[in-house]
C-alpha atoms as a PDB file:
ATOM      1  CA  UNK A   1     -10.634 -12.987 -11.103  1.00  0.00           C
ATOM      2  CA  UNK A   2     -11.110 -10.529  -8.288  1.00  0.00           C
ATOM      3  CA  UNK A   3     -14.052  -8.205  -8.636  1.00  0.00           C
ATOM      4  CA  UNK A   4     -14.191  -4.563  -7.652  1.00  0.00           C
ATOM      5  CA  UNK A   5     -17.065  -2.189  -7.046  1.00  0.00           C
ATOM      6  CA  UNK A   6     -17.252   1.571  -6.835  1.00  0.00           C
ATOM      7  CA  UNK A   7     -18.405   3.155  -3.627  1.00  0.00           C
ATOM      8  CA  UNK A   8     -20.500   6.216  -2.962  1.00  0.00           C
ATOM      9  CA  UNK A   9     -19.331   9.012  -0.693  1.00  0.00           C
ATOM     10  CA  UNK A  10     -22.297  10.064   1.395  1.00  0.00           C
ATOM     11  CA  UNK A  11     -20.699  13.243   2.713  1.00  0.00           C
ATOM     12  CA  UNK A  12     -17.385  14.965   2.189  1.00  0.00           C
ATOM     13  CA  UNK A  13     -16.260  16.554   5.430  1.00  0.00           C
ATOM     14  CA  UNK A  14     -17.630  16.136   8.930  1.00  0.00           C
ATOM     15  CA  UNK A  15     -14.677  17.564  10.823  1.00  0.00           C
ATOM     16  CA  UNK A  16     -11.874  19.948   9.866  1.00  0.00           C
ATOM     17  CA  UNK A  17      -8.848  21.101  11.836  1.00  0.00           C
ATOM     18  CA  UNK A  18      -6.452  23.580  10.241  1.00  0.00           C
ATOM     19  CA  UNK A  19      -2.740  23.245  10.978  1.00  0.00           C
ATOM     20  CA  UNK A  20       0.489  24.706   9.633  1.00  0.00           C
ATOM     21  CA  UNK A  21       3.214  22.320   8.422  1.00  0.00           C
ATOM     22  CA  UNK A  22       6.454  23.846   7.107  1.00  0.00           C
ATOM     23  CA  UNK A  23       5.428  25.879   4.034  1.00  0.00           C
ATOM     24  CA  UNK A  24       1.825  24.679   3.829  1.00  0.00           C
ATOM     25  CA  UNK A  25      -1.538  25.184   5.497  1.00  0.00           C
ATOM     26  CA  UNK A  26      -3.147  21.803   6.121  1.00  0.00           C
ATOM     27  CA  UNK A  27      -6.682  20.787   7.049  1.00  0.00           C
ATOM     28  CA  UNK A  28      -7.444  17.441   8.657  1.00  0.00           C
ATOM     29  CA  UNK A  29     -10.576  15.780   7.293  1.00  0.00           C
ATOM     30  CA  UNK A  30     -12.883  12.980   8.405  1.00  0.00           C
ATOM     31  CA  UNK A  31     -14.778  11.537   5.444  1.00  0.00           C
ATOM     32  CA  UNK A  32     -17.743   9.167   5.970  1.00  0.00           C
ATOM     33  CA  UNK A  33     -18.223   6.621   3.172  1.00  0.00           C
ATOM     34  CA  UNK A  34     -20.469   3.656   2.502  1.00  0.00           C
ATOM     35  CA  UNK A  35     -18.943   0.810   0.474  1.00  0.00           C
ATOM     36  CA  UNK A  36     -20.643  -2.108  -1.253  1.00  0.00           C
ATOM     37  CA  UNK A  37     -18.132  -4.682  -2.420  1.00  0.00           C
ATOM     38  CA  UNK A  38     -17.587  -8.360  -3.142  1.00  0.00           C
ATOM     39  CA  UNK A  39     -15.548  -9.866  -0.329  1.00  0.00           C
ATOM     40  CA  UNK A  40     -13.949 -13.277   0.074  1.00  0.00           C
ATOM     41  CA  UNK A  41     -14.860 -15.761   2.800  1.00  0.00           C
ATOM     42  CA  UNK A  42     -11.726 -17.231   4.486  1.00  0.00           C
ATOM     43  CA  UNK A  43     -11.209 -20.977   4.298  1.00  0.00           C
ATOM     44  CA  UNK A  44      -9.298 -21.105   7.584  1.00  0.00           C
ATOM     45  CA  UNK A  45     -10.151 -20.624  11.230  1.00  0.00           C
ATOM     46  CA  UNK A  46      -9.244 -17.413  13.091  1.00  0.00           C
ATOM     47  CA  UNK A  47      -5.753 -17.472  14.602  1.00  0.00           C
ATOM     48  CA  UNK A  48      -5.551 -18.277  18.307  1.00  0.00           C
ATOM     49  CA  UNK A  49      -2.382 -16.187  18.632  1.00  0.00           C
ATOM     50  CA  UNK A  50       0.981 -15.339  17.098  1.00  0.00           C
ATOM     51  CA  UNK A  51       2.049 -19.007  16.963  1.00  0.00           C
ATOM     52  CA  UNK A  52      -0.709 -19.851  14.484  1.00  0.00           C
ATOM     53  CA  UNK A  53      -0.229 -16.553  12.656  1.00  0.00           C
ATOM     54  CA  UNK A  54       3.480 -17.324  12.176  1.00  0.00           C
ATOM     55  CA  UNK A  55       2.641 -20.773  10.824  1.00  0.00           C
ATOM     56  CA  UNK A  56       0.188 -19.193   8.377  1.00  0.00           C
ATOM     57  CA  UNK A  57       2.923 -16.844   7.125  1.00  0.00           C
ATOM     58  CA  UNK A  58       5.154 -19.867   6.485  1.00  0.00           C
ATOM     59  CA  UNK A  59       2.376 -21.502   4.482  1.00  0.00           C
ATOM     60  CA  UNK A  60       2.046 -18.389   2.340  1.00  0.00           C
ATOM     61  CA  UNK A  61       5.790 -18.219   1.801  1.00  0.00           C
ATOM     62  CA  UNK A  62       6.059 -21.884   0.799  1.00  0.00           C
ATOM     63  CA  UNK A  63       2.980 -21.898  -1.409  1.00  0.00           C
ATOM     64  CA  UNK A  64      -0.479 -22.234   0.090  1.00  0.00           C
ATOM     65  CA  UNK A  65      -1.627 -25.847  -0.527  1.00  0.00           C
ATOM     66  CA  UNK A  66      -5.294 -25.237   0.377  1.00  0.00           C
ATOM     67  CA  UNK A  67      -7.477 -22.617  -1.284  1.00  0.00           C
ATOM     68  CA  UNK A  68      -7.463 -19.643   1.134  1.00  0.00           C
ATOM     69  CA  UNK A  69     -11.083 -18.732   0.299  1.00  0.00           C
ATOM     70  CA  UNK A  70     -14.257 -20.807   0.143  1.00  0.00           C
ATOM     71  CA  UNK A  71     -16.489 -18.369  -1.683  1.00  0.00           C
ATOM     72  CA  UNK A  72     -17.588 -14.755  -1.942  1.00  0.00           C
ATOM     73  CA  UNK A  73     -20.293 -12.583  -0.469  1.00  0.00           C
ATOM     74  CA  UNK A  74     -21.504  -9.033  -0.972  1.00  0.00           C
ATOM     75  CA  UNK A  75     -21.093  -6.699   1.985  1.00  0.00           C
ATOM     76  CA  UNK A  76     -22.126  -3.116   2.616  1.00  0.00           C
ATOM     77  CA  UNK A  77     -20.267  -1.284   5.372  1.00  0.00           C
ATOM     78  CA  UNK A  78     -19.771   2.278   6.570  1.00  0.00           C
ATOM     79  CA  UNK A  79     -16.398   3.754   7.451  1.00  0.00           C
ATOM     80  CA  UNK A  80     -14.815   7.058   8.393  1.00  0.00           C
ATOM     81  CA  UNK A  81     -11.563   7.759   6.551  1.00  0.00           C
ATOM     82  CA  UNK A  82      -9.088  10.352   7.784  1.00  0.00           C
ATOM     83  CA  UNK A  83      -7.345  12.559   5.242  1.00  0.00           C
ATOM     84  CA  UNK A  84      -5.366  15.787   5.067  1.00  0.00           C
ATOM     85  CA  UNK A  85      -5.644  18.576   2.496  1.00  0.00           C
ATOM     86  CA  UNK A  86      -2.697  20.984   2.197  1.00  0.00           C
ATOM     87  CA  UNK A  87      -2.219  24.192   0.229  1.00  0.00           C
ATOM     88  CA  UNK A  88       1.011  26.236  -0.097  1.00  0.00           C
ATOM     89  CA  UNK A  89       1.554  29.473   1.783  1.00  0.00           C
ATOM     90  CA  UNK A  90       2.506  31.239  -1.420  1.00  0.00           C
ATOM     91  CA  UNK A  91       0.488  30.177  -4.490  1.00  0.00           C
ATOM     92  CA  UNK A  92       2.421  29.562  -7.709  1.00  0.00           C
ATOM     93  CA  UNK A  93       1.682  28.439 -11.249  1.00  0.00           C
ATOM     94  CA  UNK A  94       1.579  24.839  -9.996  1.00  0.00           C
ATOM     95  CA  UNK A  95      -0.843  25.532  -7.146  1.00  0.00           C
ATOM     96  CA  UNK A  96      -3.767  24.230  -9.186  1.00  0.00           C
ATOM     97  CA  UNK A  97      -2.248  20.724  -9.257  1.00  0.00           C
ATOM     98  CA  UNK A  98      -3.624  18.346  -6.628  1.00  0.00           C
ATOM     99  CA  UNK A  99      -1.479  15.413  -5.436  1.00  0.00           C
ATOM    100  CA  UNK A 100      -3.406  12.468  -3.966  1.00  0.00           C
ATOM    101  CA  UNK A 101      -1.147  10.397  -1.709  1.00  0.00           C
ATOM    102  CA  UNK A 102      -2.441   6.859  -1.080  1.00  0.00           C
ATOM    103  CA  UNK A 103      -1.155   5.505   2.194  1.00  0.00           C
ATOM    104  CA  UNK A 104      -0.199   1.885   2.678  1.00  0.00           C
ATOM    105  CA  UNK A 105      -1.445   0.769   6.064  1.00  0.00           C
ATOM    106  CA  UNK A 106       1.308  -0.973   8.016  1.00  0.00           C
ATOM    107  CA  UNK A 107       3.616  -1.324   5.015  1.00  0.00           C
ATOM    108  CA  UNK A 108       3.469   2.393   4.151  1.00  0.00           C
ATOM    109  CA  UNK A 109       4.405   3.249   0.476  1.00  0.00           C
ATOM    110  CA  UNK A 110       4.324  -0.236  -1.178  1.00  0.00           C
ATOM    111  CA  UNK A 111       0.680  -1.086  -0.472  1.00  0.00           C
ATOM    112  CA  UNK A 112      -0.369   2.425  -1.442  1.00  0.00           C
ATOM    113  CA  UNK A 113       1.357   1.949  -4.804  1.00  0.00           C
ATOM    114  CA  UNK A 114      -0.595  -1.251  -5.372  1.00  0.00           C
ATOM    115  CA  UNK A 115      -3.836   0.607  -4.680  1.00  0.00           C
ATOM    116  CA  UNK A 116      -2.794   3.411  -7.041  1.00  0.00           C
ATOM    117  CA  UNK A 117      -1.913   0.883  -9.743  1.00  0.00           C
ATOM    118  CA  UNK A 118      -5.321  -0.751  -9.388  1.00  0.00           C
ATOM    119  CA  UNK A 119      -7.070   2.618  -9.540  1.00  0.00           C
ATOM    120  CA  UNK A 120      -5.278   3.503 -12.781  1.00  0.00           C
ATOM    121  CA  UNK A 121      -6.414   0.182 -14.274  1.00  0.00           C
ATOM    122  CA  UNK A 122     -10.056   0.206 -13.135  1.00  0.00           C
ATOM    123  CA  UNK A 123     -10.799   3.958 -13.206  1.00  0.00           C
ATOM    124  CA  UNK A 124      -8.121   5.560 -15.424  1.00  0.00           C
ATOM    125  CA  UNK A 125      -9.999   8.842 -15.769  1.00  0.00           C
ATOM    126  CA  UNK A 126      -9.564   9.664 -12.074  1.00  0.00           C
ATOM    127  CA  UNK A 127      -5.796  10.304 -12.218  1.00  0.00           C
ATOM    128  CA  UNK A 128      -3.802  12.681 -14.436  1.00  0.00           C
ATOM    129  CA  UNK A 129      -0.533  10.936 -13.538  1.00  0.00           C
ATOM    130  CA  UNK A 130       0.747   8.424 -10.994  1.00  0.00           C
ATOM    131  CA  UNK A 131       3.937   7.830  -8.984  1.00  0.00           C
ATOM    132  CA  UNK A 132       4.588   4.292  -7.717  1.00  0.00           C
ATOM    133  CA  UNK A 133       7.111   4.066  -4.870  1.00  0.00           C
ATOM    134  CA  UNK A 134       8.591   0.916  -3.353  1.00  0.00           C
ATOM    135  CA  UNK A 135       7.100  -1.119  -6.186  1.00  0.00           C
ATOM    136  CA  UNK A 136       8.133  -3.635  -8.865  1.00  0.00           C
ATOM    137  CA  UNK A 137       6.480  -6.540 -10.679  1.00  0.00           C
ATOM    138  CA  UNK A 138       8.759  -9.043  -8.988  1.00  0.00           C
ATOM    139  CA  UNK A 139       6.642 -12.190  -8.641  1.00  0.00           C
ATOM    140  CA  UNK A 140       8.782 -13.503  -5.789  1.00  0.00           C
ATOM    141  CA  UNK A 141       7.837 -10.612  -3.503  1.00  0.00           C
ATOM    142  CA  UNK A 142       5.975 -11.576  -0.389  1.00  0.00           C
ATOM    143  CA  UNK A 143       4.836  -9.683   2.660  1.00  0.00           C
ATOM    144  CA  UNK A 144       5.327 -12.732   4.930  1.00  0.00           C
ATOM    145  CA  UNK A 145       9.051 -12.038   4.573  1.00  0.00           C
ATOM    146  CA  UNK A 146       8.368  -8.695   6.225  1.00  0.00           C
ATOM    147  CA  UNK A 147       5.928  -9.643   8.931  1.00  0.00           C
ATOM    148  CA  UNK A 148       6.950 -12.944  10.401  1.00  0.00           C
ATOM    149  CA  UNK A 149       3.421 -13.338  11.747  1.00  0.00           C
ATOM    150  CA  UNK A 150       3.260 -11.270  14.929  1.00  0.00           C
ATOM    151  CA  UNK A 151      -0.310 -10.521  15.995  1.00  0.00           C
ATOM    152  CA  UNK A 152      -0.288  -6.818  16.770  1.00  0.00           C
ATOM    153  CA  UNK A 153      -2.539  -7.172  19.818  1.00  0.00           C
ATOM    154  CA  UNK A 154       0.346  -9.057  21.487  1.00  0.00           C
ATOM    155  CA  UNK A 155       3.129  -6.984  19.899  1.00  0.00           C
ATOM    156  CA  UNK A 156       1.671  -3.637  20.986  1.00  0.00           C
ATOM    157  CA  UNK A 157      -1.127  -4.414  23.484  1.00  0.00           C
ATOM    158  CA  UNK A 158      -1.229  -0.868  24.820  1.00  0.00           C
ATOM    159  CA  UNK A 159      -2.477   0.355  21.424  1.00  0.00           C
ATOM    160  CA  UNK A 160      -4.128  -2.652  19.771  1.00  0.00           C
ATOM    161  CA  UNK A 161      -5.445  -5.005  22.446  1.00  0.00           C
ATOM    162  CA  UNK A 162      -8.933  -4.572  20.940  1.00  0.00           C
ATOM    163  CA  UNK A 163      -7.936  -6.054  17.542  1.00  0.00           C
ATOM    164  CA  UNK A 164      -8.144  -9.725  16.598  1.00  0.00           C
ATOM    165  CA  UNK A 165      -5.178 -12.030  16.032  1.00  0.00           C
ATOM    166  CA  UNK A 166      -5.502 -11.653  12.256  1.00  0.00           C
ATOM    167  CA  UNK A 167      -4.075  -8.118  12.357  1.00  0.00           C
ATOM    168  CA  UNK A 168      -0.331  -8.578  11.904  1.00  0.00           C
ATOM    169  CA  UNK A 169       2.928  -6.662  12.149  1.00  0.00           C
ATOM    170  CA  UNK A 170       6.704  -7.114  12.140  1.00  0.00           C
ATOM    171  CA  UNK A 171       8.333  -7.952  15.496  1.00  0.00           C
ATOM    172  CA  UNK A 172      10.470  -4.849  16.243  1.00  0.00           C
ATOM    173  CA  UNK A 173      12.400  -1.908  14.801  1.00  0.00           C
ATOM    174  CA  UNK A 174      15.332  -4.082  13.767  1.00  0.00           C
ATOM    175  CA  UNK A 175      13.069  -6.245  11.614  1.00  0.00           C
ATOM    176  CA  UNK A 176      11.810  -2.990  10.079  1.00  0.00           C
ATOM    177  CA  UNK A 177      15.396  -1.899   9.402  1.00  0.00           C
ATOM    178  CA  UNK A 178      16.109  -5.278   7.809  1.00  0.00           C
ATOM    179  CA  UNK A 179      13.362  -4.731   5.242  1.00  0.00           C
ATOM    180  CA  UNK A 180      13.398  -1.008   4.462  1.00  0.00           C
ATOM    181  CA  UNK A 181      16.597   0.703   5.631  1.00  0.00           C
ATOM    182  CA  UNK A 182      20.205   0.314   4.485  1.00  0.00           C
ATOM    183  CA  UNK A 183      22.892   1.413   6.939  1.00  0.00           C
ATOM    184  CA  UNK A 184      24.405   3.993   7.155  1.00  0.00           C
ATOM    185  CA  UNK A 185      21.958   5.863   4.912  1.00  0.00           C
ATOM    186  CA  UNK A 186      19.280   6.480   7.536  1.00  0.00           C
ATOM    187  CA  UNK A 187      18.728   8.050  10.934  1.00  0.00           C
ATOM    188  CA  UNK A 188      18.038   5.364  13.580  1.00  0.00           C
ATOM    189  CA  UNK A 189      15.639   7.796  15.215  1.00  0.00           C
ATOM    190  CA  UNK A 190      13.413   7.621  12.128  1.00  0.00           C
ATOM    191  CA  UNK A 191      13.217   3.828  12.410  1.00  0.00           C
ATOM    192  CA  UNK A 192      12.415   4.052  16.115  1.00  0.00           C
ATOM    193  CA  UNK A 193       9.649   6.593  15.453  1.00  0.00           C
ATOM    194  CA  UNK A 194       8.223   4.434  12.669  1.00  0.00           C
ATOM    195  CA  UNK A 195       8.165   1.434  15.006  1.00  0.00           C
ATOM    196  CA  UNK A 196       6.494   3.380  17.801  1.00  0.00           C
ATOM    197  CA  UNK A 197       3.705   4.590  15.495  1.00  0.00           C
ATOM    198  CA  UNK A 198       3.238   1.534  13.264  1.00  0.00           C
ATOM    199  CA  UNK A 199      -0.152   0.152  12.254  1.00  0.00           C
ATOM    200  CA  UNK A 200      -1.149  -3.417  11.448  1.00  0.00           C
ATOM    201  CA  UNK A 201      -1.774  -5.206   8.174  1.00  0.00           C
ATOM    202  CA  UNK A 202      -4.757  -7.534   7.925  1.00  0.00           C
ATOM    203  CA  UNK A 203      -4.577 -11.149   6.791  1.00  0.00           C
ATOM    204  CA  UNK A 204      -7.063 -10.236   4.048  1.00  0.00           C
ATOM    205  CA  UNK A 205      -4.617  -7.695   2.621  1.00  0.00           C
ATOM    206  CA  UNK A 206      -1.889 -10.335   2.470  1.00  0.00           C
ATOM    207  CA  UNK A 207      -4.114 -12.693   0.500  1.00  0.00           C
ATOM    208  CA  UNK A 208      -5.677 -10.228  -1.954  1.00  0.00           C
ATOM    209  CA  UNK A 209      -3.079  -7.526  -2.651  1.00  0.00           C
ATOM    210  CA  UNK A 210      -1.742  -9.113  -5.899  1.00  0.00           C
ATOM    211  CA  UNK A 211      -5.187  -8.610  -7.451  1.00  0.00           C
ATOM    212  CA  UNK A 212      -4.722  -4.829  -7.483  1.00  0.00           C
ATOM    213  CA  UNK A 213      -1.822  -4.953  -9.947  1.00  0.00           C
ATOM    214  CA  UNK A 214      -3.638  -5.064 -13.286  1.00  0.00           C
ATOM    215  CA  UNK A 215      -2.691  -3.869 -16.794  1.00  0.00           C
ATOM    216  CA  UNK A 216      -3.911  -0.319 -17.415  1.00  0.00           C
ATOM    217  CA  UNK A 217      -4.223   0.083 -21.208  1.00  0.00           C
ATOM    218  CA  UNK A 218      -6.746   2.915 -20.867  1.00  0.00           C
ATOM    219  CA  UNK A 219      -4.460   5.042 -18.703  1.00  0.00           C
ATOM    220  CA  UNK A 220      -2.813   7.736 -20.849  1.00  0.00           C
ATOM    221  CA  UNK A 221      -1.075   9.912 -18.248  1.00  0.00           C
ATOM    222  CA  UNK A 222       2.566   9.820 -17.114  1.00  0.00           C
ATOM    223  CA  UNK A 223       3.871   7.059 -14.844  1.00  0.00           C
ATOM    224  CA  UNK A 224       6.922   7.241 -12.582  1.00  0.00           C
ATOM    225  CA  UNK A 225       8.462   4.420 -10.526  1.00  0.00           C
ATOM    226  CA  UNK A 226      10.708   5.283  -7.548  1.00  0.00           C
ATOM    227  CA  UNK A 227      12.533   2.528  -5.665  1.00  0.00           C
ATOM    228  CA  UNK A 228      15.248   2.268  -3.099  1.00  0.00           C
ATOM    229  CA  UNK A 229      18.041   0.039  -4.350  1.00  0.00           C
ATOM    230  CA  UNK A 230      17.917  -2.267  -1.303  1.00  0.00           C
ATOM    231  CA  UNK A 231      14.155  -2.802  -0.973  1.00  0.00           C
ATOM    232  CA  UNK A 232      13.743  -6.305   0.461  1.00  0.00           C
ATOM    233  CA  UNK A 233       9.999  -6.801   0.097  1.00  0.00           C
ATOM    234  CA  UNK A 234       9.833  -6.175  -3.661  1.00  0.00           C
ATOM    235  CA  UNK A 235      13.417  -6.690  -4.828  1.00  0.00           C
ATOM    236  CA  UNK A 236      15.049  -9.006  -2.306  1.00  0.00           C
ATOM    237  CA  UNK A 237      17.505  -6.149  -1.657  1.00  0.00           C
ATOM    238  CA  UNK A 238      18.514  -5.506  -5.272  1.00  0.00           C
ATOM    239  CA  UNK A 239      16.116  -3.448  -7.384  1.00  0.00           C
ATOM    240  CA  UNK A 240      18.552  -2.828 -10.258  1.00  0.00           C
ATOM    241  CA  UNK A 241      17.158  -3.807 -13.649  1.00  0.00           C
ATOM    242  CA  UNK A 242      13.808  -5.185 -12.430  1.00  0.00           C
ATOM    243  CA  UNK A 243      11.702  -2.535 -14.182  1.00  0.00           C
ATOM    244  CA  UNK A 244      12.576  -2.917 -17.871  1.00  0.00           C
ATOM    245  CA  UNK A 245      10.897  -0.911 -20.662  1.00  0.00           C
ATOM    246  CA  UNK A 246       9.237  -4.079 -21.979  1.00  0.00           C
ATOM    247  CA  UNK A 247       7.739  -4.862 -18.572  1.00  0.00           C
ATOM    248  CA  UNK A 248       6.469  -1.375 -17.768  1.00  0.00           C
ATOM    249  CA  UNK A 249       4.959  -1.056 -21.250  1.00  0.00           C
ATOM    250  CA  UNK A 250       3.084  -4.311 -20.691  1.00  0.00           C
ATOM    251  CA  UNK A 251       1.164  -2.692 -17.821  1.00  0.00           C
ATOM    252  CA  UNK A 252       0.999   0.877 -19.174  1.00  0.00           C
ATOM    253  CA  UNK A 253       1.094   0.528 -22.985  1.00  0.00           C
ATOM    254  CA  UNK A 254      -0.532   3.899 -23.647  1.00  0.00           C
ATOM    255  CA  UNK A 255       1.045   6.045 -20.931  1.00  0.00           C
ATOM    256  CA  UNK A 256       2.414   9.348 -22.227  1.00  0.00           C
ATOM    257  CA  UNK A 257       5.715   8.839 -20.353  1.00  0.00           C
ATOM    258  CA  UNK A 258       7.019   5.941 -18.249  1.00  0.00           C
ATOM    259  CA  UNK A 259      10.099   6.647 -16.160  1.00  0.00           C
ATOM    260  CA  UNK A 260      12.027   4.635 -13.605  1.00  0.00           C
ATOM    261  CA  UNK A 261      13.860   7.066 -11.376  1.00  0.00           C
ATOM    262  CA  UNK A 262      17.566   6.348 -11.176  1.00  0.00           C
ATOM    263  CA  UNK A 263      17.697   3.896 -14.068  1.00  0.00           C
ATOM    264  CA  UNK A 264      18.024   4.227 -17.837  1.00  0.00           C
ATOM    265  CA  UNK A 265      14.419   3.311 -18.531  1.00  0.00           C
ATOM    266  CA  UNK A 266      12.528   6.134 -20.213  1.00  0.00           C
ATOM    267  CA  UNK A 267       9.770   5.621 -22.731  1.00  0.00           C
ATOM    268  CA  UNK A 268       8.281   8.612 -24.512  1.00  0.00           C
ATOM    269  CA  UNK A 269       5.293   8.540 -26.846  1.00  0.00           C
END
């Protein structure tokens, strides 16, 4: 079983920049944190390039025959996390509600939903309610389908030449379209912008992300799932009927409300 540890925030804000976005006033934050956690020691050599990274993705997709880790170790590291805090121009009755959006690095919404799910399971008191987007419990999902094994230092050397070969990405904007966008229901300019500003996913994320999705019996707030019908990564392009009441109740048995947006799956308690 994967182990988790809480981390201490040594300071809250070391830099703020106020900006105006549409109908909100936003402040950019830099938050220094120190984390002590149990990490896993890889049981494979670093990739020498995209050729070996692609082969590794194929091994993951076909079922890894060798244990990917050879043990654990405790590490303490310091990081600076960027965040943004926004408040509305005109306060309303709902202005006291704070939404915490967890970003999924590289894979945007899906990975963030896994992190949110894990947070609800391990620290249920921290969230009043959660929204999981681009997410199902489909056991056949696999990020290697998305990535194909391109090392990002070769895919975008002008931005990521300093990163090792274990930081991966999809090959181009058409591979991104293949996974996340269904024509003609999108603007090609959005896909191009996403591709231009993409960030990598680490090999460690690929190997450990299933551990975040744990049952959350102590979580008593509302839960909402939102999926696009043609999500490839989690639904193999057909999300209809994957989130049944029996399945969602298995993970959130004591949630006040569980709703799957767009489907007849509503549980009220």
